[in-house]
Amino acid sequence: GGLVQAGGSLRLSCAASGNIFSINSMGWYRQAPGKQRELVALVTR
């Protein structure tokens, strides 16, 4: 995460660790000021 200008690009990463048996899906949600948390993108196994 960080600060970018309009039209720019950014790459987010997320690593899961611990005692996980099987991951069904991983994804990203976001919450803007004054708004509900929403699904941005999801990828299944």
Full PDB file with SEQRES, HELIX, SHEET, SSBOND, CRYST1, ORIGX, SCALE, CONECT and MASTER records, all heavy atoms in Angstrom:
SEQRES   1 A   45  GLY GLY LEU VAL GLN ALA GLY GLY SER LEU ARG LEU SER          
SEQRES   2 A   45  CYS ALA ALA SER GLY ASN ILE PHE SER ILE ASN SER MET          
SEQRES   3 A   45  GLY TRP TYR ARG GLN ALA PRO GLY LYS GLN ARG GLU LEU          
SEQRES   4 A   45  VAL ALA LEU VAL THR ARG                                      
SHEET    1 AA1 2 SER A  25  ARG A  30  0                                        
SHEET    2 AA1 2 GLU A  38  THR A  44 -1                                        
CRYST1    1.000    1.000    1.000  90.00  90.00  90.00 P 1           1          
ORIGX1      1.000000  0.000000  0.000000        0.00000                         
ORIGX2      0.000000  1.000000  0.000000        0.00000                         
ORIGX3      0.000000  0.000000  1.000000        0.00000                         
SCALE1      1.000000  0.000000  0.000000        0.00000                         
SCALE2      0.000000  1.000000  0.000000        0.00000                         
SCALE3      0.000000  0.000000  1.000000        0.00000                         
ATOM      1  N   GLY A   1       0.816  -1.198   0.000  1.00  0.00           N  
ATOM      2  CA  GLY A   1       0.000   0.000   0.000  1.00  0.00           C  
ATOM      3  C   GLY A   1       0.853   1.252   0.000  1.00  0.00           C  
ATOM      4  O   GLY A   1       2.056   1.215   0.244  1.00  0.00           O  
ATOM      5  N   GLY A   2       0.210   2.373  -0.289  1.00  0.00           N  
ATOM      6  CA  GLY A   2       0.928   3.629  -0.306  1.00  0.00           C  
ATOM      7  C   GLY A   2       0.151   4.722  -1.000  1.00  0.00           C  
ATOM      8  O   GLY A   2      -1.055   4.603  -1.228  1.00  0.00           O  
ATOM      9  N   LEU A   3       0.859   5.776  -1.343  1.00  0.00           N  
ATOM     10  CA  LEU A   3       0.286   6.951  -1.989  1.00  0.00           C  
ATOM     11  C   LEU A   3       0.754   7.020  -3.432  1.00  0.00           C  
ATOM     12  O   LEU A   3       1.961   6.963  -3.697  1.00  0.00           O  
ATOM     13  CB  LEU A   3       0.701   8.218  -1.236  1.00  0.00           C  
ATOM     14  CG  LEU A   3       0.310   9.553  -1.857  1.00  0.00           C  
ATOM     15  CD1 LEU A   3      -1.201   9.703  -1.888  1.00  0.00           C  
ATOM     16  CD2 LEU A   3       0.957  10.691  -1.092  1.00  0.00           C  
ATOM     17  N   VAL A   4      -0.196   7.132  -4.346  1.00  0.00           N  
ATOM     18  CA  VAL A   4       0.118   7.270  -5.765  1.00  0.00           C  
ATOM     19  C   VAL A   4      -0.776   8.332  -6.379  1.00  0.00           C  
ATOM     20  O   VAL A   4      -1.827   8.671  -5.839  1.00  0.00           O  
ATOM     21  CB  VAL A   4      -0.051   5.941  -6.536  1.00  0.00           C  
ATOM     22  CG1 VAL A   4       0.906   4.883  -6.011  1.00  0.00           C  
ATOM     23  CG2 VAL A   4      -1.487   5.448  -6.440  1.00  0.00           C  
ATOM     24  N   GLN A   5      -0.357   8.847  -7.521  1.00  0.00           N  
ATOM     25  CA  GLN A   5      -1.170   9.802  -8.256  1.00  0.00           C  
ATOM     26  C   GLN A   5      -2.158   9.074  -9.164  1.00  0.00           C  
ATOM     27  O   GLN A   5      -1.941   7.926  -9.547  1.00  0.00           O  
ATOM     28  CB  GLN A   5      -0.294  10.732  -9.091  1.00  0.00           C  
ATOM     29  CG  GLN A   5       0.537  11.701  -8.270  1.00  0.00           C  
ATOM     30  CD  GLN A   5       1.259  12.715  -9.129  1.00  0.00           C  
ATOM     31  OE1 GLN A   5       1.576  12.446 -10.283  1.00  0.00           O  
ATOM     32  NE2 GLN A   5       1.518  13.883  -8.580  1.00  0.00           N  
ATOM     33  N   ALA A   6      -3.246   9.751  -9.475  1.00  0.00           N  
ATOM     34  CA  ALA A   6      -4.229   9.185 -10.389  1.00  0.00           C  
ATOM     35  C   ALA A   6      -3.560   8.767 -11.692  1.00  0.00           C  
ATOM     36  O   ALA A   6      -2.712   9.479 -12.229  1.00  0.00           O  
ATOM     37  CB  ALA A   6      -5.338  10.190 -10.663  1.00  0.00           C  
ATOM     38  N   GLY A   7      -3.950   7.594 -12.176  1.00  0.00           N  
ATOM     39  CA  GLY A   7      -3.352   7.035 -13.367  1.00  0.00           C  
ATOM     40  C   GLY A   7      -2.168   6.137 -13.099  1.00  0.00           C  
ATOM     41  O   GLY A   7      -1.713   5.432 -14.012  1.00  0.00           O  
ATOM     42  N   GLY A   8      -1.687   6.130 -11.882  1.00  0.00           N  
ATOM     43  CA  GLY A   8      -0.552   5.307 -11.517  1.00  0.00           C  
ATOM     44  C   GLY A   8      -0.940   3.886 -11.193  1.00  0.00           C  
ATOM     45  O   GLY A   8      -2.099   3.481 -11.312  1.00  0.00           O  
ATOM     46  N   SER A   9       0.050   3.124 -10.754  1.00  0.00           N  
ATOM     47  CA  SER A   9      -0.135   1.706 -10.465  1.00  0.00           C  
ATOM     48  C   SER A   9       0.418   1.358  -9.095  1.00  0.00           C  
ATOM     49  O   SER A   9       1.311   2.019  -8.576  1.00  0.00           O  
ATOM     50  CB  SER A   9       0.563   0.846 -11.527  1.00  0.00           C  
ATOM     51  OG  SER A   9       0.020   1.070 -12.815  1.00  0.00           O  
ATOM     52  N   LEU A  10      -0.116   0.289  -8.554  1.00  0.00           N  
ATOM     53  CA  LEU A  10       0.319  -0.203  -7.263  1.00  0.00           C  
ATOM     54  C   LEU A  10       0.089  -1.703  -7.229  1.00  0.00           C  
ATOM     55  O   LEU A  10      -0.873  -2.203  -7.832  1.00  0.00           O  
ATOM     56  CB  LEU A  10      -0.463   0.482  -6.145  1.00  0.00           C  
ATOM     57  CG  LEU A  10       0.190   0.667  -4.768  1.00  0.00           C  
ATOM     58  CD1 LEU A  10       1.465   1.483  -4.869  1.00  0.00           C  
ATOM     59  CD2 LEU A  10      -0.802   1.343  -3.822  1.00  0.00           C  
ATOM     60  N   ARG A  11       0.947  -2.424  -6.525  1.00  0.00           N  
ATOM     61  CA  ARG A  11       0.831  -3.870  -6.415  1.00  0.00           C  
ATOM     62  C   ARG A  11       0.776  -4.263  -4.946  1.00  0.00           C  
ATOM     63  O   ARG A  11       1.698  -3.975  -4.182  1.00  0.00           O  
ATOM     64  CB  ARG A  11       2.007  -4.561  -7.098  1.00  0.00           C  
ATOM     65  CG  ARG A  11       1.953  -6.095  -7.065  1.00  0.00           C  
ATOM     66  CD  ARG A  11       3.160  -6.680  -7.799  1.00  0.00           C  
ATOM     67  NE  ARG A  11       3.288  -8.118  -7.661  1.00  0.00           N  
ATOM     68  CZ  ARG A  11       2.729  -9.012  -8.474  1.00  0.00           C  
ATOM     69  NH1 ARG A  11       1.980  -8.597  -9.485  1.00  0.00           N  
ATOM     70  NH2 ARG A  11       2.921 -10.309  -8.278  1.00  0.00           N  
ATOM     71  N   LEU A  12      -0.301  -4.919  -4.559  1.00  0.00           N  
ATOM     72  CA  LEU A  12      -0.471  -5.404  -3.204  1.00  0.00           C  
ATOM     73  C   LEU A  12      -0.135  -6.888  -3.127  1.00  0.00           C  
ATOM     74  O   LEU A  12      -0.404  -7.643  -4.057  1.00  0.00           O  
ATOM     75  CB  LEU A  12      -1.902  -5.190  -2.717  1.00  0.00           C  
ATOM     76  CG  LEU A  12      -2.475  -3.773  -2.795  1.00  0.00           C  
ATOM     77  CD1 LEU A  12      -3.885  -3.750  -2.214  1.00  0.00           C  
ATOM     78  CD2 LEU A  12      -1.576  -2.781  -2.076  1.00  0.00           C  
ATOM     79  N   SER A  13       0.420  -7.294  -1.994  1.00  0.00           N  
ATOM     80  CA  SER A  13       0.739  -8.686  -1.752  1.00  0.00           C  
ATOM     81  C   SER A  13       0.192  -9.103  -0.401  1.00  0.00           C  
ATOM     82  O   SER A  13       0.116  -8.301   0.530  1.00  0.00           O  
ATOM     83  CB  SER A  13       2.253  -8.923  -1.775  1.00  0.00           C  
ATOM     84  OG  SER A  13       2.816  -8.571  -3.017  1.00  0.00           O  
ATOM     85  N   CYS A  14      -0.171 -10.364  -0.295  1.00  0.00           N  
ATOM     86  CA  CYS A  14      -0.658 -10.914   0.956  1.00  0.00           C  
ATOM     87  C   CYS A  14      -0.228 -12.367   1.053  1.00  0.00           C  
ATOM     88  O   CYS A  14      -0.531 -13.165   0.169  1.00  0.00           O  
ATOM     89  CB  CYS A  14      -2.184 -10.812   1.051  1.00  0.00           C  
ATOM     90  SG  CYS A  14      -2.902 -11.629   2.494  1.00  0.00           S  
ATOM     91  N   ALA A  15       0.443 -12.699   2.140  1.00  0.00           N  
ATOM     92  CA  ALA A  15       0.898 -14.064   2.376  1.00  0.00           C  
ATOM     93  C   ALA A  15       0.213 -14.633   3.610  1.00  0.00           C  
ATOM     94  O   ALA A  15       0.185 -13.998   4.663  1.00  0.00           O  
ATOM     95  CB  ALA A  15       2.413 -14.100   2.549  1.00  0.00           C  
ATOM     96  N   ALA A  16      -0.335 -15.820   3.461  1.00  0.00           N  
ATOM     97  CA  ALA A  16      -0.969 -16.523   4.565  1.00  0.00           C  
ATOM     98  C   ALA A  16       0.002 -17.532   5.151  1.00  0.00           C  
ATOM     99  O   ALA A  16       0.674 -18.262   4.419  1.00  0.00           O  
ATOM    100  CB  ALA A  16      -2.238 -17.227   4.099  1.00  0.00           C  
ATOM    101  N   SER A  17       0.061 -17.579   6.458  1.00  0.00           N  
ATOM    102  CA  SER A  17       0.937 -18.527   7.127  1.00  0.00           C  
ATOM    103  C   SER A  17       0.236 -19.104   8.344  1.00  0.00           C  
ATOM    104  O   SER A  17      -0.753 -18.553   8.833  1.00  0.00           O  
ATOM    105  CB  SER A  17       2.251 -17.867   7.544  1.00  0.00           C  
ATOM    106  OG  SER A  17       2.022 -16.820   8.471  1.00  0.00           O  
ATOM    107  N   GLY A  18       0.761 -20.214   8.833  1.00  0.00           N  
ATOM    108  CA  GLY A  18       0.185 -20.872   9.985  1.00  0.00           C  
ATOM    109  C   GLY A  18      -0.355 -22.239   9.640  1.00  0.00           C  
ATOM    110  O   GLY A  18      -0.081 -22.788   8.570  1.00  0.00           O  
ATOM    111  N   ASN A  19      -1.135 -22.777  10.540  1.00  0.00           N  
ATOM    112  CA  ASN A  19      -1.680 -24.121  10.388  1.00  0.00           C  
ATOM    113  C   ASN A  19      -2.962 -24.073   9.572  1.00  0.00           C  
ATOM    114  O   ASN A  19      -4.068 -24.091  10.121  1.00  0.00           O  
ATOM    115  CB  ASN A  19      -1.917 -24.752  11.755  1.00  0.00           C  
ATOM    116  CG  ASN A  19      -2.259 -26.221  11.666  1.00  0.00           C  
ATOM    117  OD1 ASN A  19      -2.032 -26.858  10.642  1.00  0.00           O  
ATOM    118  ND2 ASN A  19      -2.814 -26.764  12.730  1.00  0.00           N  
ATOM    119  N   ILE A  20      -2.797 -24.010   8.254  1.00  0.00           N  
ATOM    120  CA  ILE A  20      -3.936 -23.957   7.339  1.00  0.00           C  
ATOM    121  C   ILE A  20      -4.053 -25.289   6.617  1.00  0.00           C  
ATOM    122  O   ILE A  20      -3.110 -25.736   5.961  1.00  0.00           O  
ATOM    123  CB  ILE A  20      -3.779 -22.820   6.327  1.00  0.00           C  
ATOM    124  CG1 ILE A  20      -3.634 -21.485   7.047  1.00  0.00           C  
ATOM    125  CG2 ILE A  20      -4.967 -22.794   5.377  1.00  0.00           C  
ATOM    126  CD1 ILE A  20      -3.386 -20.327   6.122  1.00  0.00           C  
ATOM    127  N   PHE A  21      -5.212 -25.904   6.722  1.00  0.00           N  
ATOM    128  CA  PHE A  21      -5.419 -27.200   6.072  1.00  0.00           C  
ATOM    129  C   PHE A  21      -5.553 -27.053   4.564  1.00  0.00           C  
ATOM    130  O   PHE A  21      -4.857 -27.715   3.799  1.00  0.00           O  
ATOM    131  CB  PHE A  21      -6.650 -27.899   6.658  1.00  0.00           C  
ATOM    132  CG  PHE A  21      -6.986 -29.185   5.966  1.00  0.00           C  
ATOM    133  CD1 PHE A  21      -6.202 -30.304   6.157  1.00  0.00           C  
ATOM    134  CD2 PHE A  21      -8.084 -29.275   5.124  1.00  0.00           C  
ATOM    135  CE1 PHE A  21      -6.499 -31.504   5.524  1.00  0.00           C  
ATOM    136  CE2 PHE A  21      -8.393 -30.469   4.484  1.00  0.00           C  
ATOM    137  CZ  PHE A  21      -7.598 -31.577   4.687  1.00  0.00           C  
ATOM    138  N   SER A  22      -6.451 -26.185   4.154  1.00  0.00           N  
ATOM    139  CA  SER A  22      -6.690 -25.994   2.737  1.00  0.00           C  
ATOM    140  C   SER A  22      -7.362 -24.643   2.525  1.00  0.00           C  
ATOM    141  O   SER A  22      -8.355 -24.338   3.179  1.00  0.00           O  
ATOM    142  CB  SER A  22      -7.569 -27.106   2.171  1.00  0.00           C  
ATOM    143  OG  SER A  22      -7.825 -26.919   0.795  1.00  0.00           O  
ATOM    144  N   ILE A  23      -6.823 -23.859   1.608  1.00  0.00           N  
ATOM    145  CA  ILE A  23      -7.393 -22.557   1.295  1.00  0.00           C  
ATOM    146  C   ILE A  23      -8.368 -22.703   0.131  1.00  0.00           C  
ATOM    147  O   ILE A  23      -8.005 -23.200  -0.934  1.00  0.00           O  
ATOM    148  CB  ILE A  23      -6.298 -21.536   0.960  1.00  0.00           C  
ATOM    149  CG1 ILE A  23      -5.458 -21.250   2.202  1.00  0.00           C  
ATOM    150  CG2 ILE A  23      -6.912 -20.247   0.412  1.00  0.00           C  
ATOM    151  CD1 ILE A  23      -4.323 -20.280   1.963  1.00  0.00           C  
ATOM    152  N   ASN A  24      -9.596 -22.265   0.354  1.00  0.00           N  
ATOM    153  CA  ASN A  24     -10.605 -22.304  -0.698  1.00  0.00           C  
ATOM    154  C   ASN A  24     -10.452 -21.135  -1.665  1.00  0.00           C  
ATOM    155  O   ASN A  24     -10.614 -21.295  -2.871  1.00  0.00           O  
ATOM    156  CB  ASN A  24     -12.006 -22.277  -0.089  1.00  0.00           C  
ATOM    157  CG  ASN A  24     -12.264 -23.425   0.843  1.00  0.00           C  
ATOM    158  OD1 ASN A  24     -11.979 -24.577   0.519  1.00  0.00           O  
ATOM    159  ND2 ASN A  24     -12.800 -23.123   2.016  1.00  0.00           N  
ATOM    160  N   SER A  25     -10.170 -19.974  -1.117  1.00  0.00           N  
ATOM    161  CA  SER A  25     -10.028 -18.781  -1.935  1.00  0.00           C  
ATOM    162  C   SER A  25      -9.239 -17.734  -1.178  1.00  0.00           C  
ATOM    163  O   SER A  25      -9.149 -17.766   0.053  1.00  0.00           O  
ATOM    164  CB  SER A  25     -11.396 -18.213  -2.339  1.00  0.00           C  
ATOM    165  OG  SER A  25     -12.100 -17.748  -1.200  1.00  0.00           O  
ATOM    166  N   MET A  26      -8.683 -16.801  -1.924  1.00  0.00           N  
ATOM    167  CA  MET A  26      -8.055 -15.630  -1.340  1.00  0.00           C  
ATOM    168  C   MET A  26      -8.509 -14.421  -2.131  1.00  0.00           C  
ATOM    169  O   MET A  26      -8.770 -14.521  -3.331  1.00  0.00           O  
ATOM    170  CB  MET A  26      -6.532 -15.730  -1.347  1.00  0.00           C  
ATOM    171  CG  MET A  26      -5.981 -16.847  -0.477  1.00  0.00           C  
ATOM    172  SD  MET A  26      -4.173 -16.814  -0.315  1.00  0.00           S  
ATOM    173  CE  MET A  26      -3.975 -15.390   0.774  1.00  0.00           C  
ATOM    174  N   GLY A  27      -8.602 -13.302  -1.453  1.00  0.00           N  
ATOM    175  CA  GLY A  27      -9.074 -12.126  -2.148  1.00  0.00           C  
ATOM    176  C   GLY A  27      -8.783 -10.852  -1.404  1.00  0.00           C  
ATOM    177  O   GLY A  27      -8.118 -10.837  -0.362  1.00  0.00           O  
ATOM    178  N   TRP A  28      -9.286  -9.780  -1.983  1.00  0.00           N  
ATOM    179  CA  TRP A  28      -9.102  -8.446  -1.442  1.00  0.00           C  
ATOM    180  C   TRP A  28     -10.440  -7.752  -1.291  1.00  0.00           C  
ATOM    181  O   TRP A  28     -11.286  -7.799  -2.191  1.00  0.00           O  
ATOM    182  CB  TRP A  28      -8.207  -7.610  -2.360  1.00  0.00           C  
ATOM    183  CG  TRP A  28      -6.800  -8.109  -2.432  1.00  0.00           C  
ATOM    184  CD1 TRP A  28      -6.283  -8.995  -3.332  1.00  0.00           C  
ATOM    185  CD2 TRP A  28      -5.730  -7.752  -1.558  1.00  0.00           C  
ATOM    186  NE1 TRP A  28      -4.950  -9.210  -3.076  1.00  0.00           N  
ATOM    187  CE2 TRP A  28      -4.582  -8.460  -1.991  1.00  0.00           C  
ATOM    188  CE3 TRP A  28      -5.620  -6.904  -0.462  1.00  0.00           C  
ATOM    189  CZ2 TRP A  28      -3.352  -8.340  -1.352  1.00  0.00           C  
ATOM    190  CZ3 TRP A  28      -4.402  -6.791   0.172  1.00  0.00           C  
ATOM    191  CH2 TRP A  28      -3.282  -7.499  -0.280  1.00  0.00           C  
ATOM    192  N   TYR A  29     -10.621  -7.122  -0.157  1.00  0.00           N  
ATOM    193  CA  TYR A  29     -11.749  -6.258   0.115  1.00  0.00           C  
ATOM    194  C   TYR A  29     -11.218  -4.869   0.407  1.00  0.00           C  
ATOM    195  O   TYR A  29     -10.050  -4.692   0.732  1.00  0.00           O  
ATOM    196  CB  TYR A  29     -12.563  -6.770   1.311  1.00  0.00           C  
ATOM    197  CG  TYR A  29     -13.307  -8.065   1.057  1.00  0.00           C  
ATOM    198  CD1 TYR A  29     -12.627  -9.274   0.925  1.00  0.00           C  
ATOM    199  CD2 TYR A  29     -14.698  -8.082   0.966  1.00  0.00           C  
ATOM    200  CE1 TYR A  29     -13.305 -10.458   0.697  1.00  0.00           C  
ATOM    201  CE2 TYR A  29     -15.385  -9.262   0.743  1.00  0.00           C  
ATOM    202  CZ  TYR A  29     -14.684 -10.446   0.614  1.00  0.00           C  
ATOM    203  OH  TYR A  29     -15.367 -11.623   0.390  1.00  0.00           O  
ATOM    204  N   ARG A  30     -12.084  -3.879   0.305  1.00  0.00           N  
ATOM    205  CA  ARG A  30     -11.675  -2.529   0.648  1.00  0.00           C  
ATOM    206  C   ARG A  30     -12.809  -1.791   1.324  1.00  0.00           C  
ATOM    207  O   ARG A  30     -13.981  -2.102   1.135  1.00  0.00           O  
ATOM    208  CB  ARG A  30     -11.201  -1.755  -0.589  1.00  0.00           C  
ATOM    209  CG  ARG A  30     -12.301  -1.405  -1.583  1.00  0.00           C  
ATOM    210  CD  ARG A  30     -11.699  -0.745  -2.819  1.00  0.00           C  
ATOM    211  NE  ARG A  30     -12.721  -0.374  -3.779  1.00  0.00           N  
ATOM    212  CZ  ARG A  30     -12.464   0.084  -5.002  1.00  0.00           C  
ATOM    213  NH1 ARG A  30     -11.201   0.232  -5.401  1.00  0.00           N  
ATOM    214  NH2 ARG A  30     -13.461   0.404  -5.821  1.00  0.00           N  
ATOM    215  N   GLN A  31     -12.428  -0.818   2.112  1.00  0.00           N  
ATOM    216  CA  GLN A  31     -13.399   0.024   2.789  1.00  0.00           C  
ATOM    217  C   GLN A  31     -12.938   1.469   2.700  1.00  0.00           C  
ATOM    218  O   GLN A  31     -11.894   1.833   3.242  1.00  0.00           O  
ATOM    219  CB  GLN A  31     -13.579  -0.391   4.246  1.00  0.00           C  
ATOM    220  CG  GLN A  31     -14.706   0.340   4.949  1.00  0.00           C  
ATOM    221  CD  GLN A  31     -15.095  -0.307   6.263  1.00  0.00           C  
ATOM    222  OE1 GLN A  31     -14.338  -1.091   6.828  1.00  0.00           O  
ATOM    223  NE2 GLN A  31     -16.277   0.008   6.747  1.00  0.00           N  
ATOM    224  N   ALA A  32     -13.728   2.268   1.998  1.00  0.00           N  
ATOM    225  CA  ALA A  32     -13.460   3.684   1.863  1.00  0.00           C  
ATOM    226  C   ALA A  32     -14.170   4.444   2.977  1.00  0.00           C  
ATOM    227  O   ALA A  32     -15.144   3.950   3.552  1.00  0.00           O  
ATOM    228  CB  ALA A  32     -13.923   4.182   0.494  1.00  0.00           C  
ATOM    229  N   PRO A  33     -13.714   5.653   3.277  1.00  0.00           N  
ATOM    230  CA  PRO A  33     -14.369   6.442   4.324  1.00  0.00           C  
ATOM    231  C   PRO A  33     -15.857   6.614   4.053  1.00  0.00           C  
ATOM    232  O   PRO A  33     -16.261   6.994   2.956  1.00  0.00           O  
ATOM    233  CB  PRO A  33     -13.639   7.777   4.263  1.00  0.00           C  
ATOM    234  CG  PRO A  33     -12.290   7.442   3.727  1.00  0.00           C  
ATOM    235  CD  PRO A  33     -12.532   6.341   2.731  1.00  0.00           C  
ATOM    236  N   GLY A  34     -16.677   6.302   5.042  1.00  0.00           N  
ATOM    237  CA  GLY A  34     -18.112   6.459   4.920  1.00  0.00           C  
ATOM    238  C   GLY A  34     -18.822   5.402   4.110  1.00  0.00           C  
ATOM    239  O   GLY A  34     -20.022   5.541   3.849  1.00  0.00           O  
ATOM    240  N   LYS A  35     -18.123   4.347   3.711  1.00  0.00           N  
ATOM    241  CA  LYS A  35     -18.727   3.313   2.890  1.00  0.00           C  
ATOM    242  C   LYS A  35     -18.573   1.934   3.531  1.00  0.00           C  
ATOM    243  O   LYS A  35     -17.738   1.728   4.412  1.00  0.00           O  
ATOM    244  CB  LYS A  35     -18.107   3.295   1.489  1.00  0.00           C  
ATOM    245  CG  LYS A  35     -18.381   4.546   0.668  1.00  0.00           C  
ATOM    246  CD  LYS A  35     -17.863   4.401  -0.746  1.00  0.00           C  
ATOM    247  CE  LYS A  35     -18.194   5.610  -1.593  1.00  0.00           C  
ATOM    248  NZ  LYS A  35     -17.699   5.449  -2.986  1.00  0.00           N  
ATOM    249  N   GLN A  36     -19.396   1.004   3.059  1.00  0.00           N  
ATOM    250  CA  GLN A  36     -19.311  -0.377   3.511  1.00  0.00           C  
ATOM    251  C   GLN A  36     -18.088  -1.066   2.910  1.00  0.00           C  
ATOM    252  O   GLN A  36     -17.611  -0.701   1.835  1.00  0.00           O  
ATOM    253  CB  GLN A  36     -20.576  -1.141   3.112  1.00  0.00           C  
ATOM    254  CG  GLN A  36     -21.867  -0.621   3.721  1.00  0.00           C  
ATOM    255  CD  GLN A  36     -22.046  -1.068   5.146  1.00  0.00           C  
ATOM    256  OE1 GLN A  36     -21.382  -1.999   5.615  1.00  0.00           O  
ATOM    257  NE2 GLN A  36     -22.944  -0.409   5.858  1.00  0.00           N  
ATOM    258  N   ARG A  37     -17.604  -2.070   3.620  1.00  0.00           N  
ATOM    259  CA  ARG A  37     -16.545  -2.886   3.063  1.00  0.00           C  
ATOM    260  C   ARG A  37     -17.097  -3.674   1.870  1.00  0.00           C  
ATOM    261  O   ARG A  37     -18.189  -4.237   1.931  1.00  0.00           O  
ATOM    262  CB  ARG A  37     -15.989  -3.842   4.118  1.00  0.00           C  
ATOM    263  CG  ARG A  37     -14.791  -4.649   3.651  1.00  0.00           C  
ATOM    264  CD  ARG A  37     -14.199  -5.503   4.760  1.00  0.00           C  
ATOM    265  NE  ARG A  37     -13.734  -4.705   5.878  1.00  0.00           N  
ATOM    266  CZ  ARG A  37     -13.034  -5.179   6.904  1.00  0.00           C  
ATOM    267  NH1 ARG A  37     -12.716  -6.468   6.942  1.00  0.00           N  
ATOM    268  NH2 ARG A  37     -12.661  -4.373   7.885  1.00  0.00           N  
ATOM    269  N   GLU A  38     -16.334  -3.707   0.790  1.00  0.00           N  
ATOM    270  CA  GLU A  38     -16.787  -4.356  -0.417  1.00  0.00           C  
ATOM    271  C   GLU A  38     -15.720  -5.274  -0.979  1.00  0.00           C  
ATOM    272  O   GLU A  38     -14.520  -5.055  -0.796  1.00  0.00           O  
ATOM    273  CB  GLU A  38     -17.173  -3.323  -1.481  1.00  0.00           C  
ATOM    274  CG  GLU A  38     -16.011  -2.469  -1.957  1.00  0.00           C  
ATOM    275  CD  GLU A  38     -16.383  -1.545  -3.106  1.00  0.00           C  
ATOM    276  OE1 GLU A  38     -17.476  -1.683  -3.671  1.00  0.00           O  
ATOM    277  OE2 GLU A  38     -15.552  -0.672  -3.443  1.00  0.00           O  
ATOM    278  N   LEU A  39     -16.179  -6.293  -1.686  1.00  0.00           N  
ATOM    279  CA  LEU A  39     -15.267  -7.190  -2.384  1.00  0.00           C  
ATOM    280  C   LEU A  39     -14.654  -6.469  -3.570  1.00  0.00           C  
ATOM    281  O   LEU A  39     -15.361  -5.854  -4.370  1.00  0.00           O  
ATOM    282  CB  LEU A  39     -16.008  -8.439  -2.856  1.00  0.00           C  
ATOM    283  CG  LEU A  39     -15.211  -9.404  -3.742  1.00  0.00           C  
ATOM    284  CD1 LEU A  39     -14.096 -10.066  -2.940  1.00  0.00           C  
ATOM    285  CD2 LEU A  39     -16.122 -10.457  -4.357  1.00  0.00           C  
ATOM    286  N   VAL A  40     -13.348  -6.564  -3.694  1.00  0.00           N  
ATOM    287  CA  VAL A  40     -12.633  -6.007  -4.834  1.00  0.00           C  
ATOM    288  C   VAL A  40     -12.335  -7.095  -5.857  1.00  0.00           C  
ATOM    289  O   VAL A  40     -12.649  -6.962  -7.038  1.00  0.00           O  
ATOM    290  CB  VAL A  40     -11.330  -5.320  -4.398  1.00  0.00           C  
ATOM    291  CG1 VAL A  40     -10.568  -4.791  -5.609  1.00  0.00           C  
ATOM    292  CG2 VAL A  40     -11.630  -4.190  -3.411  1.00  0.00           C  
ATOM    293  N   ALA A  41     -11.711  -8.165  -5.409  1.00  0.00           N  
ATOM    294  CA  ALA A  41     -11.345  -9.258  -6.304  1.00  0.00           C  
ATOM    295  C   ALA A  41     -11.136 -10.520  -5.489  1.00  0.00           C  
ATOM    296  O   ALA A  41     -10.733 -10.464  -4.325  1.00  0.00           O  
ATOM    297  CB  ALA A  41     -10.078  -8.929  -7.098  1.00  0.00           C  
ATOM    298  N   LEU A  42     -11.391 -11.646  -6.118  1.00  0.00           N  
ATOM    299  CA  LEU A  42     -11.301 -12.940  -5.453  1.00  0.00           C  
ATOM    300  C   LEU A  42     -10.779 -13.972  -6.436  1.00  0.00           C  
ATOM    301  O   LEU A  42     -11.133 -13.942  -7.618  1.00  0.00           O  
ATOM    302  CB  LEU A  42     -12.683 -13.357  -4.938  1.00  0.00           C  
ATOM    303  CG  LEU A  42     -12.816 -14.662  -4.160  1.00  0.00           C  
ATOM    304  CD1 LEU A  42     -12.229 -14.505  -2.772  1.00  0.00           C  
ATOM    305  CD2 LEU A  42     -14.276 -15.080  -4.085  1.00  0.00           C  
ATOM    306  N   VAL A  43      -9.954 -14.874  -5.960  1.00  0.00           N  
ATOM    307  CA  VAL A  43      -9.495 -15.990  -6.773  1.00  0.00           C  
ATOM    308  C   VAL A  43      -9.665 -17.271  -5.972  1.00  0.00           C  
ATOM    309  O   VAL A  43      -9.285 -17.345  -4.799  1.00  0.00           O  
ATOM    310  CB  VAL A  43      -8.033 -15.802  -7.255  1.00  0.00           C  
ATOM    311  CG1 VAL A  43      -7.067 -15.667  -6.087  1.00  0.00           C  
ATOM    312  CG2 VAL A  43      -7.621 -16.952  -8.168  1.00  0.00           C  
ATOM    313  N   THR A  44     -10.264 -18.277  -6.583  1.00  0.00           N  
ATOM    314  CA  THR A  44     -10.485 -19.550  -5.921  1.00  0.00           C  
ATOM    315  C   THR A  44      -9.288 -20.468  -6.115  1.00  0.00           C  
ATOM    316  O   THR A  44      -8.368 -20.175  -6.879  1.00  0.00           O  
ATOM    317  CB  THR A  44     -11.748 -20.238  -6.448  1.00  0.00           C  
ATOM    318  OG1 THR A  44     -11.550 -20.623  -7.815  1.00  0.00           O  
ATOM    319  CG2 THR A  44     -12.945 -19.309  -6.363  1.00  0.00           C  
ATOM    320  N   ARG A  45      -9.317 -21.611  -5.452  1.00  0.00           N  
ATOM    321  CA  ARG A  45      -8.194 -22.537  -5.520  1.00  0.00           C  
ATOM    322  C   ARG A  45      -7.999 -23.120  -6.911  1.00  0.00           C  
ATOM    323  O   ARG A  45      -6.891 -23.532  -7.250  1.00  0.00           O  
ATOM    324  CB  ARG A  45      -8.364 -23.659  -4.500  1.00  0.00           C  
ATOM    325  CG  ARG A  45      -9.609 -24.514  -4.709  1.00  0.00           C  
ATOM    326  CD  ARG A  45      -9.745 -25.539  -3.609  1.00  0.00           C  
ATOM    327  NE  ARG A  45     -10.975 -26.307  -3.716  1.00  0.00           N  
ATOM    328  CZ  ARG A  45     -11.365 -27.231  -2.854  1.00  0.00           C  
ATOM    329  NH1 ARG A  45     -10.606 -27.506  -1.797  1.00  0.00           N  
ATOM    330  NH2 ARG A  45     -12.513 -27.871  -3.042  1.00  0.00           N  
TER     331      ARG A  45                                                      
MASTER        0    0    0    0    2    0    0    6  330    1    0    4          
END                                                                             
